[in-house]
Amino acid sequence: MPARTFSPDALRQIRRERGVTQRKLAAEIGRDFTTVSQYETGRCAPSLEALTTIADVLGAPVTAFIKAGAA
């Protein structure tokens, strides 16, 4: 079974489709906007708790932010 990892591109795309700025998302999830920027550039990945909150705020399933990777 392939490993599943966080997809920075999916976060960026979904956030933009919803018309939410990085600053707005950061405020909604209780993080600094630079943290959201780091999520979107792949410099770091959100915890499962943060990812769940992001999904709730953006109205998307958590699985929308996950990609299949190499095993």
C-alpha atoms as a PDB file:
ATOM      1  CA  MET A   1       0.000   0.000   0.000  1.00  0.00           C
ATOM      2  CA  PRO A   2       1.489   3.384  -0.937  1.00  0.00           C
ATOM      3  CA  ALA A   3       2.306   5.864   1.810  1.00  0.00           C
ATOM      4  CA  ARG A   4       0.088   8.904   2.025  1.00  0.00           C
ATOM      5  CA  THR A   5       1.528  12.362   2.526  1.00  0.00           C
ATOM      6  CA  PHE A   6       0.339  15.941   2.835  1.00  0.00           C
ATOM      7  CA  SER A   7      -0.055  17.795  -0.487  1.00  0.00           C
ATOM      8  CA  PRO A   8       1.022  21.462  -0.310  1.00  0.00           C
ATOM      9  CA  ASP A   9      -0.321  22.041  -3.830  1.00  0.00           C
ATOM     10  CA  ALA A  10      -3.777  20.824  -2.846  1.00  0.00           C
ATOM     11  CA  LEU A  11      -3.871  23.188   0.114  1.00  0.00           C
ATOM     12  CA  ARG A  12      -2.881  26.154  -2.049  1.00  0.00           C
ATOM     13  CA  GLN A  13      -5.381  25.268  -4.775  1.00  0.00           C
ATOM     14  CA  ILE A  14      -8.328  24.664  -2.445  1.00  0.00           C
ATOM     15  CA  ARG A  15      -7.585  27.801  -0.419  1.00  0.00           C
ATOM     16  CA  ARG A  16      -7.479  29.922  -3.575  1.00  0.00           C
ATOM     17  CA  GLU A  17     -10.646  28.320  -4.984  1.00  0.00           C
ATOM     18  CA  ARG A  18     -12.438  29.273  -1.764  1.00  0.00           C
ATOM     19  CA  GLY A  19     -11.129  32.856  -2.018  1.00  0.00           C
ATOM     20  CA  VAL A  20      -9.354  32.647   1.338  1.00  0.00           C
ATOM     21  CA  THR A  21      -6.056  34.461   1.898  1.00  0.00           C
ATOM     22  CA  GLN A  22      -3.193  32.904   3.797  1.00  0.00           C
ATOM     23  CA  ARG A  23      -3.715  35.483   6.551  1.00  0.00           C
ATOM     24  CA  LYS A  24      -7.435  34.693   6.825  1.00  0.00           C
ATOM     25  CA  LEU A  25      -6.794  30.945   6.946  1.00  0.00           C
ATOM     26  CA  ALA A  26      -4.058  31.441   9.521  1.00  0.00           C
ATOM     27  CA  ALA A  27      -6.387  33.475  11.738  1.00  0.00           C
ATOM     28  CA  GLU A  28      -9.122  30.840  11.426  1.00  0.00           C
ATOM     29  CA  ILE A  29      -6.802  28.002  12.447  1.00  0.00           C
ATOM     30  CA  GLY A  30      -4.945  29.920  15.154  1.00  0.00           C
ATOM     31  CA  ARG A  31      -1.580  29.990  13.401  1.00  0.00           C
ATOM     32  CA  ASP A  32       0.664  32.697  11.963  1.00  0.00           C
ATOM     33  CA  PHE A  33       0.329  33.324   8.213  1.00  0.00           C
ATOM     34  CA  THR A  34       3.974  32.352   7.735  1.00  0.00           C
ATOM     35  CA  THR A  35       3.057  28.878   8.975  1.00  0.00           C
ATOM     36  CA  VAL A  36       0.383  28.595   6.292  1.00  0.00           C
ATOM     37  CA  SER A  37       2.956  29.752   3.740  1.00  0.00           C
ATOM     38  CA  GLN A  38       5.327  27.031   4.929  1.00  0.00           C
ATOM     39  CA  TYR A  39       2.557  24.440   4.581  1.00  0.00           C
ATOM     40  CA  GLU A  40       1.938  25.564   0.999  1.00  0.00           C
ATOM     41  CA  THR A  41       5.591  25.524   0.012  1.00  0.00           C
ATOM     42  CA  GLY A  42       6.181  22.133   1.594  1.00  0.00           C
ATOM     43  CA  ARG A  43       8.708  23.442   4.124  1.00  0.00           C
ATOM     44  CA  CYS A  44       6.621  21.811   6.845  1.00  0.00           C
ATOM     45  CA  ALA A  45       3.409  19.825   7.082  1.00  0.00           C
ATOM     46  CA  PRO A  46       0.493  20.485   9.406  1.00  0.00           C
ATOM     47  CA  SER A  47      -0.248  18.141  12.269  1.00  0.00           C
ATOM     48  CA  LEU A  48      -3.329  15.963  11.890  1.00  0.00           C
ATOM     49  CA  GLU A  49      -5.165  18.297  14.278  1.00  0.00           C
ATOM     50  CA  ALA A  50      -4.205  21.378  12.234  1.00  0.00           C
ATOM     51  CA  LEU A  51      -5.076  19.624   8.978  1.00  0.00           C
ATOM     52  CA  THR A  52      -8.498  18.693  10.331  1.00  0.00           C
ATOM     53  CA  THR A  53      -9.097  22.329  11.290  1.00  0.00           C
ATOM     54  CA  ILE A  54      -7.913  23.532   7.869  1.00  0.00           C
ATOM     55  CA  ALA A  55     -10.284  21.086   6.173  1.00  0.00           C
ATOM     56  CA  ASP A  56     -13.183  22.307   8.325  1.00  0.00           C
ATOM     57  CA  VAL A  57     -12.433  25.970   7.635  1.00  0.00           C
ATOM     58  CA  LEU A  58     -12.122  25.404   3.886  1.00  0.00           C
ATOM     59  CA  GLY A  59     -15.109  23.058   3.719  1.00  0.00           C
ATOM     60  CA  ALA A  60     -13.150  20.194   2.204  1.00  0.00           C
ATOM     61  CA  PRO A  61     -12.512  16.613   3.314  1.00  0.00           C
ATOM     62  CA  VAL A  62      -9.143  15.914   4.922  1.00  0.00           C
ATOM     63  CA  THR A  63      -8.458  13.433   2.129  1.00  0.00           C
ATOM     64  CA  ALA A  64      -8.431  16.327  -0.362  1.00  0.00           C
ATOM     65  CA  PHE A  65      -5.091  17.377   1.158  1.00  0.00           C
ATOM     66  CA  ILE A  66      -3.470  13.946   0.971  1.00  0.00           C
ATOM     67  CA  LYS A  67      -1.556  12.433  -1.927  1.00  0.00           C
ATOM     68  CA  ALA A  68      -0.345   8.906  -2.451  1.00  0.00           C
ATOM     69  CA  GLY A  69       3.417   8.613  -2.421  1.00  0.00           C
ATOM     70  CA  ALA A  70       6.017   5.916  -2.769  1.00  0.00           C
ATOM     71  CA  ALA A  71       5.831   3.084  -0.277  1.00  0.00           C
END
